[in-house]
N, C-alpha and C. Protein backbone atom coordinates (compact mmCIF):
# COMPACT_ATOMS: atom_id res chain seq x y z
N UNK A 1 17.75 -2.92 -21.13
CA UNK A 1 17.92 -2.13 -19.89
C UNK A 1 18.56 -0.65 -20.50
N UNK A 2 17.74 0.16 -19.86
CA UNK A 2 18.48 1.38 -19.83
C UNK A 2 19.65 1.99 -19.69
N UNK A 3 20.27 2.73 -20.03
CA UNK A 3 21.97 3.11 -19.75
C UNK A 3 21.89 3.56 -18.02
N UNK A 4 22.71 3.23 -17.62
CA UNK A 4 22.95 3.34 -16.04
C UNK A 4 23.54 4.96 -16.25
N UNK A 5 23.34 6.07 -15.20
CA UNK A 5 23.82 7.25 -14.88
C UNK A 5 24.33 7.34 -13.81
N UNK A 6 25.68 7.80 -13.63
CA UNK A 6 26.56 8.14 -12.40
C UNK A 6 26.44 9.51 -12.04
N UNK A 7 25.92 9.70 -10.52
CA UNK A 7 26.12 11.15 -9.94
C UNK A 7 26.53 11.42 -8.72
N UNK A 8 26.66 12.26 -8.29
CA UNK A 8 27.54 12.74 -6.90
C UNK A 8 26.34 13.40 -6.20
N UNK A 9 26.72 12.92 -4.71
CA UNK A 9 25.68 13.51 -3.78
C UNK A 9 26.65 14.20 -2.59
N UNK A 10 26.34 15.16 -2.23
CA UNK A 10 27.05 15.86 -1.20
C UNK A 10 26.17 15.52 0.13
N UNK A 11 26.73 14.81 1.18
CA UNK A 11 26.10 14.61 2.60
C UNK A 11 27.17 14.49 3.47
N UNK A 12 26.64 15.09 4.47
CA UNK A 12 27.43 14.87 5.88
C UNK A 12 27.86 13.71 6.22
N UNK A 13 29.02 13.22 6.70
CA UNK A 13 29.32 12.12 7.11
C UNK A 13 28.81 11.13 8.24
N UNK A 14 28.09 11.98 9.07
CA UNK A 14 27.25 11.58 10.35
C UNK A 14 26.19 10.99 9.45
N UNK A 15 25.22 11.91 8.49
CA UNK A 15 24.19 11.43 7.69
C UNK A 15 24.28 10.09 7.10
N UNK A 16 25.42 10.15 6.41
CA UNK A 16 25.66 9.21 5.62
C UNK A 16 26.15 7.88 6.19
N UNK A 17 26.62 7.93 7.45
CA UNK A 17 26.92 6.60 8.31
C UNK A 17 25.77 6.23 8.85
N UNK A 18 24.67 7.17 9.37
CA UNK A 18 23.35 6.49 9.48
C UNK A 18 22.86 5.86 8.46
N UNK A 19 22.73 6.42 7.31
CA UNK A 19 22.03 5.82 6.11
C UNK A 19 22.90 4.15 5.74
N UNK A 20 23.96 4.12 5.85
CA UNK A 20 24.65 3.08 5.78
C UNK A 20 24.30 1.91 6.80
N UNK A 21 24.17 2.29 8.14
CA UNK A 21 23.70 1.17 8.83
C UNK A 21 22.35 0.98 8.58
N UNK A 22 21.54 1.78 8.32
CA UNK A 22 20.08 1.66 8.17
C UNK A 22 19.85 0.65 6.86
N UNK A 23 20.67 0.85 5.71
CA UNK A 23 20.55 0.20 4.61
C UNK A 23 21.10 -1.62 4.80
N UNK A 24 22.43 -1.40 5.38
CA UNK A 24 22.95 -2.60 6.24
C UNK A 24 21.86 -3.33 6.64
N UNK A 25 21.22 -3.13 7.56
CA UNK A 25 20.12 -3.75 8.43
C UNK A 25 19.05 -4.32 7.74
N UNK A 26 18.78 -3.35 6.58
CA UNK A 26 17.48 -3.93 5.56
C UNK A 26 18.21 -4.71 4.38
N UNK A 27 19.27 -5.19 4.52
CA UNK A 27 20.15 -6.20 3.48
C UNK A 27 20.60 -5.60 2.22
N UNK A 28 20.51 -4.22 2.02
CA UNK A 28 20.93 -3.80 0.89
C UNK A 28 22.54 -4.01 0.80
N UNK A 29 22.97 -4.40 -0.38
CA UNK A 29 24.59 -4.48 -0.54
C UNK A 29 25.28 -3.46 -1.20
N UNK A 30 24.47 -2.53 -1.34
CA UNK A 30 25.50 -1.34 -1.95
C UNK A 30 24.14 0.05 -1.82
N UNK A 31 24.72 1.41 -1.66
CA UNK A 31 23.94 2.71 -1.52
C UNK A 31 22.94 2.53 -2.86
N UNK A 32 23.35 2.32 -4.10
CA UNK A 32 22.58 2.72 -5.26
C UNK A 32 21.40 1.97 -5.18
N UNK A 33 20.83 0.76 -4.67
CA UNK A 33 19.87 0.28 -5.04
C UNK A 33 18.77 0.90 -3.88
N UNK A 34 19.46 1.22 -2.74
CA UNK A 34 18.73 1.70 -1.68
C UNK A 34 18.51 2.99 -2.18
N UNK A 35 19.07 3.98 -2.71
CA UNK A 35 18.31 5.35 -3.35
C UNK A 35 17.78 5.12 -4.44
N UNK A 36 17.99 4.17 -5.07
CA UNK A 36 16.81 3.66 -6.24
C UNK A 36 15.56 3.47 -5.80
N UNK A 37 15.30 2.61 -4.79
CA UNK A 37 14.57 2.43 -3.96
C UNK A 37 13.57 3.47 -3.29
N UNK A 38 14.36 4.39 -2.50
CA UNK A 38 13.81 5.85 -2.32
C UNK A 38 13.26 6.56 -3.36
N UNK A 39 13.79 6.57 -4.43
CA UNK A 39 13.53 7.35 -5.48
C UNK A 39 11.92 6.98 -5.95
N UNK A 40 12.29 5.45 -6.12
CA UNK A 40 10.76 4.94 -6.52
C UNK A 40 9.69 5.34 -5.39
N UNK A 41 10.04 5.11 -4.19
CA UNK A 41 8.74 5.58 -3.29
C UNK A 41 8.19 6.87 -3.46
N UNK A 42 9.11 7.95 -3.49
CA UNK A 42 8.85 9.09 -3.48
C UNK A 42 8.01 9.26 -4.97
N UNK A 43 8.43 8.45 -6.11
CA UNK A 43 7.48 8.78 -7.38
C UNK A 43 6.02 7.93 -7.08
N UNK A 44 6.03 7.14 -6.63
CA UNK A 44 4.93 6.41 -6.18
C UNK A 44 3.73 7.36 -5.17
N UNK A 45 4.36 7.63 -4.41
CA UNK A 45 3.90 8.88 -3.45
C UNK A 45 3.07 10.10 -3.99
N UNK A 46 3.99 10.68 -4.82
CA UNK A 46 3.53 11.80 -5.93
C UNK A 46 2.32 10.96 -6.84
N UNK A 47 2.86 9.94 -7.52
CA UNK A 47 1.58 9.48 -8.32
C UNK A 47 0.54 9.71 -7.46
N UNK A 48 0.54 9.13 -6.32
CA UNK A 48 -0.94 8.89 -5.30
C UNK A 48 -1.56 10.42 -5.22
N UNK A 49 -0.85 11.52 -5.22
CA UNK A 49 -1.10 12.70 -5.18
C UNK A 49 -1.70 13.54 -6.36
N UNK A 50 -1.79 12.91 -7.61
CA UNK A 50 -1.94 13.38 -8.58
C UNK A 50 -3.26 13.28 -9.05
N UNK A 51 -3.83 12.03 -8.60
CA UNK A 51 -5.46 11.51 -9.05
C UNK A 51 -5.68 11.52 -10.20
N UNK A 52 -4.96 11.22 -11.24
CA UNK A 52 -5.31 10.92 -12.64
C UNK A 52 -4.65 9.85 -13.28
N UNK A 53 -4.19 9.09 -12.69
CA UNK A 53 -3.70 7.65 -13.22
C UNK A 53 -4.38 6.64 -12.32
N UNK A 54 -4.33 5.21 -13.02
CA UNK A 54 -4.97 4.14 -12.43
C UNK A 54 -3.87 3.88 -11.54
N UNK A 55 -4.03 3.37 -10.31
CA UNK A 55 -3.14 2.89 -9.31
C UNK A 55 -3.53 1.82 -8.77
N UNK A 56 -2.89 0.96 -7.91
CA UNK A 56 -3.25 -0.16 -6.94
C UNK A 56 -2.81 0.36 -5.46
N UNK A 57 -3.69 -0.31 -4.77
CA UNK A 57 -3.80 -0.56 -3.24
C UNK A 57 -3.94 -1.65 -2.74
N UNK A 58 -3.49 -2.10 -1.39
CA UNK A 58 -3.99 -3.12 -0.78
C UNK A 58 -4.53 -2.44 0.57
N UNK A 59 -5.85 -2.93 0.84
CA UNK A 59 -6.77 -2.59 2.23
C UNK A 59 -6.45 -4.04 3.06
N UNK A 60 -6.03 -3.73 4.14
CA UNK A 60 -5.99 -4.83 5.22
C UNK A 60 -6.96 -4.47 6.26
N UNK A 61 -7.84 -5.13 6.52
CA UNK A 61 -8.44 -5.15 7.55
C UNK A 61 -8.96 -5.96 8.77
N UNK A 62 -8.92 -5.80 9.95
CA UNK A 62 -9.28 -6.73 11.08
C UNK A 62 -10.52 -6.43 11.61
N UNK A 63 -11.38 -7.48 11.75
CA UNK A 63 -12.65 -7.23 12.47
C UNK A 63 -13.52 -8.43 13.19
N UNK A 64 -14.24 -8.13 13.70
CA UNK A 64 -15.08 -9.17 14.64
C UNK A 64 -16.38 -9.53 13.79
N UNK A 65 -16.36 -10.77 13.60
CA UNK A 65 -17.34 -11.26 12.54
C UNK A 65 -18.72 -11.51 13.43
N UNK A 66 -18.67 -11.59 14.89
CA UNK A 66 -19.81 -11.29 15.56
C UNK A 66 -20.64 -10.07 15.45
N UNK A 67 -20.21 -9.11 14.80
CA UNK A 67 -20.87 -8.05 14.71
C UNK A 67 -21.92 -8.22 13.96
N UNK A 68 -23.10 -7.89 14.41
CA UNK A 68 -24.33 -7.95 13.78
C UNK A 68 -24.42 -7.40 12.23
N UNK A 69 -24.68 -8.33 11.22
CA UNK A 69 -24.60 -7.85 10.00
C UNK A 69 -23.57 -7.25 9.31
N UNK A 70 -22.45 -7.07 10.28
CA UNK A 70 -21.31 -6.82 9.62
C UNK A 70 -20.75 -7.54 8.36
N UNK A 71 -20.66 -8.90 8.40
CA UNK A 71 -20.28 -9.52 7.04
C UNK A 71 -21.29 -9.39 6.02
N UNK A 72 -22.25 -9.20 6.04
CA UNK A 72 -23.19 -8.77 5.13
C UNK A 72 -23.08 -7.24 4.50
N UNK A 73 -22.83 -6.19 5.37
CA UNK A 73 -22.37 -5.00 5.09
C UNK A 73 -21.14 -5.14 4.12
N UNK A 74 -20.03 -5.78 4.64
CA UNK A 74 -18.83 -5.98 3.72
C UNK A 74 -18.86 -6.62 2.49
N UNK A 75 -19.99 -7.61 2.47
CA UNK A 75 -20.00 -8.27 1.17
C UNK A 75 -20.63 -7.40 0.45
N UNK A 76 -21.76 -6.46 0.81
CA UNK A 76 -22.54 -5.79 -0.14
C UNK A 76 -21.51 -4.67 -0.89
N UNK A 77 -20.70 -4.16 0.29
CA UNK A 77 -19.71 -2.92 -0.37
C UNK A 77 -18.88 -3.60 -1.22
N UNK A 78 -18.39 -4.75 -1.03
CA UNK A 78 -17.49 -5.34 -2.05
C UNK A 78 -18.27 -5.69 -3.51
N UNK A 79 -19.22 -5.87 -3.65
CA UNK A 79 -20.21 -6.38 -4.56
C UNK A 79 -20.45 -5.06 -5.39
N UNK A 80 -20.62 -4.00 -4.49
CA UNK A 80 -20.88 -2.60 -5.15
C UNK A 80 -19.90 -2.09 -5.87
N UNK A 81 -18.80 -2.51 -5.46
CA UNK A 81 -17.45 -1.90 -6.04
C UNK A 81 -16.55 -3.12 -6.49
N UNK A 82 -17.26 -4.12 -7.36
CA UNK A 82 -16.44 -5.13 -7.75
C UNK A 82 -15.41 -4.76 -8.92
N UNK A 83 -15.75 -3.57 -9.53
CA UNK A 83 -14.72 -3.19 -10.65
C UNK A 83 -13.44 -2.04 -9.96
N UNK A 84 -13.51 -2.12 -8.75
CA UNK A 84 -12.63 -1.69 -8.11
C UNK A 84 -11.58 -2.74 -7.26
N UNK A 85 -12.10 -3.80 -7.17
CA UNK A 85 -11.70 -4.79 -6.07
C UNK A 85 -11.13 -6.06 -6.89
N UNK A 86 -9.83 -6.07 -6.97
CA UNK A 86 -9.41 -7.25 -8.15
C UNK A 86 -9.35 -8.44 -7.12
N UNK A 87 -8.89 -8.47 -5.92
CA UNK A 87 -9.05 -9.81 -5.23
C UNK A 87 -9.18 -9.47 -4.03
N UNK A 88 -9.52 -10.79 -2.91
CA UNK A 88 -9.61 -10.75 -1.84
C UNK A 88 -9.13 -11.91 -1.08
N UNK A 89 -8.71 -11.78 -0.02
CA UNK A 89 -8.25 -13.13 0.94
C UNK A 89 -8.77 -12.56 2.26
N UNK A 90 -9.37 -13.90 2.80
CA UNK A 90 -10.13 -13.89 4.04
C UNK A 90 -9.63 -14.93 5.11
N UNK A 91 -9.20 -14.43 6.15
CA UNK A 91 -8.35 -15.10 6.93
C UNK A 91 -9.31 -15.44 8.47
N UNK A 92 -9.61 -16.54 8.81
CA UNK A 92 -9.93 -16.71 10.32
C UNK A 92 -8.84 -16.63 11.26
N UNK A 93 -8.88 -15.52 12.02
CA UNK A 93 -7.51 -15.40 12.90
C UNK A 93 -7.66 -16.07 14.16
N UNK A 94 -9.15 -15.87 14.54
CA UNK A 94 -9.25 -17.17 15.80
C UNK A 94 -11.08 -17.10 15.90
N UNK A 95 -11.52 -17.39 17.10
CA UNK A 95 -12.97 -17.61 16.97
C UNK A 95 -13.99 -16.36 16.61
N UNK A 96 -13.35 -15.11 17.11
CA UNK A 96 -14.04 -13.92 16.72
C UNK A 96 -13.62 -13.07 15.77
N UNK A 97 -12.11 -13.05 15.43
CA UNK A 97 -11.89 -11.88 14.37
C UNK A 97 -11.12 -12.60 13.10
N UNK A 98 -11.41 -12.03 12.39
CA UNK A 98 -11.29 -12.24 10.94
C UNK A 98 -10.29 -11.19 10.18
N UNK A 99 -9.32 -11.79 9.44
CA UNK A 99 -8.77 -10.66 8.71
C UNK A 99 -9.00 -10.60 7.33
N UNK A 100 -9.10 -9.43 6.56
CA UNK A 100 -9.19 -9.57 5.09
C UNK A 100 -8.50 -8.74 4.47
N UNK A 101 -7.98 -9.24 3.27
CA UNK A 101 -6.87 -8.21 2.43
C UNK A 101 -7.70 -8.15 1.11
N UNK A 102 -7.70 -6.76 0.60
CA UNK A 102 -8.24 -6.66 -0.89
C UNK A 102 -7.24 -5.92 -1.70
N UNK A 103 -7.16 -6.11 -2.70
CA UNK A 103 -6.38 -5.41 -3.72
C UNK A 103 -7.07 -4.61 -4.85
N UNK A 104 -6.99 -3.24 -4.45
CA UNK A 104 -7.82 -2.54 -5.35
C UNK A 104 -7.12 -1.89 -6.19
N UNK A 105 -7.70 -1.20 -7.45
CA UNK A 105 -7.39 -0.69 -8.49
C UNK A 105 -8.30 0.55 -8.72
N UNK A 106 -7.67 1.68 -9.18
CA UNK A 106 -8.34 2.82 -9.78
C UNK A 106 -7.75 4.03 -9.72
N UNK A 107 -8.12 5.07 -9.70
CA UNK A 107 -7.61 6.20 -9.50
C UNK A 107 -7.40 6.49 -7.73
N UNK A 108 -6.44 7.38 -7.44
CA UNK A 108 -6.12 7.30 -6.14
C UNK A 108 -7.41 7.60 -5.36
N UNK A 109 -8.18 8.90 -5.72
CA UNK A 109 -9.15 9.14 -4.92
C UNK A 109 -10.29 8.23 -4.84
N UNK A 110 -10.85 7.49 -5.94
CA UNK A 110 -11.50 6.45 -5.97
C UNK A 110 -11.11 5.24 -4.71
N UNK A 111 -10.00 4.90 -4.69
CA UNK A 111 -9.36 3.97 -4.00
C UNK A 111 -9.42 4.32 -2.37
N UNK A 112 -9.28 5.54 -2.10
CA UNK A 112 -9.18 6.50 -1.03
C UNK A 112 -10.51 6.19 -0.13
N UNK A 113 -11.28 6.75 -1.05
CA UNK A 113 -12.87 6.88 -0.97
C UNK A 113 -13.60 5.31 -0.43
N UNK A 114 -13.16 4.23 -1.32
CA UNK A 114 -13.76 2.96 -0.93
C UNK A 114 -13.09 2.61 0.22
N UNK A 115 -11.71 2.86 0.56
CA UNK A 115 -11.06 2.40 1.68
C UNK A 115 -11.67 2.90 2.72
N UNK A 116 -12.11 4.12 2.87
CA UNK A 116 -12.47 4.72 3.74
C UNK A 116 -13.77 4.53 4.09
N UNK A 117 -14.74 3.87 3.03
CA UNK A 117 -16.20 3.38 3.51
C UNK A 117 -16.33 2.14 4.23
N UNK A 118 -14.86 1.43 3.71
CA UNK A 118 -15.20 -0.01 4.38
C UNK A 118 -14.68 0.10 5.82
N UNK A 119 -13.55 0.94 5.92
CA UNK A 119 -13.05 1.13 7.31
C UNK A 119 -13.99 1.88 8.42
N UNK A 120 -14.78 2.53 7.84
CA UNK A 120 -15.64 3.08 8.76
C UNK A 120 -16.91 2.28 9.40
N UNK A 121 -17.13 0.89 8.70
CA UNK A 121 -17.93 0.22 9.13
C UNK A 121 -17.95 -0.43 10.38
N UNK A 122 -19.15 -0.48 11.06
CA UNK A 122 -19.21 -1.01 12.43
C UNK A 122 -18.64 -2.08 12.52
N UNK A 123 -17.65 -2.29 13.52
CA UNK A 123 -17.14 -3.70 13.79
C UNK A 123 -15.92 -3.83 12.96
N UNK A 124 -15.36 -3.20 12.46
CA UNK A 124 -13.99 -3.16 11.81
C UNK A 124 -13.00 -2.67 12.68
N UNK A 125 -12.34 -3.66 13.28
CA UNK A 125 -11.27 -2.93 14.29
C UNK A 125 -10.09 -2.17 14.17
N UNK A 126 -9.60 -2.35 12.86
CA UNK A 126 -8.48 -1.71 12.38
C UNK A 126 -8.22 -2.31 11.18
N UNK A 127 -7.82 -1.01 10.26
CA UNK A 127 -7.36 -1.24 9.06
C UNK A 127 -6.44 -0.31 8.45
N UNK A 128 -5.83 -0.69 7.32
CA UNK A 128 -4.71 0.15 6.69
C UNK A 128 -4.57 0.08 5.22
N UNK A 129 -4.45 1.17 4.44
CA UNK A 129 -4.54 1.33 3.17
C UNK A 129 -2.88 1.29 2.75
N UNK A 130 -2.62 0.70 1.81
CA UNK A 130 -1.11 0.56 1.44
C UNK A 130 -1.18 0.95 0.00
N UNK A 131 -0.52 1.96 -0.32
CA UNK A 131 -0.84 2.40 -2.16
C UNK A 131 0.79 2.18 -2.56
N UNK A 132 0.25 1.76 -3.98
CA UNK A 132 1.77 1.35 -4.79
C UNK A 132 1.22 1.97 -6.12
N UNK A 133 1.78 1.59 -7.05
CA UNK A 133 1.95 1.98 -8.51
C UNK A 133 1.50 0.65 -9.54
N UNK A 134 1.47 1.13 -10.44
CA UNK A 134 1.04 -0.04 -11.43
C UNK A 134 2.56 -0.42 -12.33
N UNK A 135 3.47 0.58 -11.58
CA UNK A 135 5.01 0.43 -12.09
C UNK A 135 5.42 0.85 -13.41
N UNK A 136 4.50 1.30 -14.35
CA UNK A 136 5.15 1.94 -15.64
C UNK A 136 6.42 2.60 -15.70
N UNK A 137 6.33 3.84 -14.80
CA UNK A 137 7.26 4.53 -14.68
C UNK A 137 8.46 4.46 -13.65
N UNK A 138 8.68 3.19 -13.24
CA UNK A 138 9.45 3.01 -12.16
C UNK A 138 10.97 2.11 -12.42
N UNK A 139 10.92 1.97 -13.60
CA UNK A 139 12.32 1.44 -13.95
C UNK A 139 13.42 2.35 -14.06
């Protein structure tokens, strides 16, 4: 494990109180881990802005499976991009709606483009891309 470094931060008492209430509500036992998580979050966001590293993402979509040819269009898109889609999970929400989660890999621009093309298919009601990192630089 890498050596830990201590550093000081100047912050207003009010802002620190808000932060302490927030992290306590999220179950953090100390400020250090909460601050490390905030730093990691910004590093991942920065990685997604660079467009030069392979990253990961999950695309969650909700759709009406009764929309004509929707399942076929989604299936074709997934087969056309099999090298970007690592895994999928399909859930039958009710008689009309399905939820699908796709794990995606590639450069951020490629993942965004694929996600956009899936989300704009007629019949997709809602979707969201969540971006993450492969984690090599987050220790």
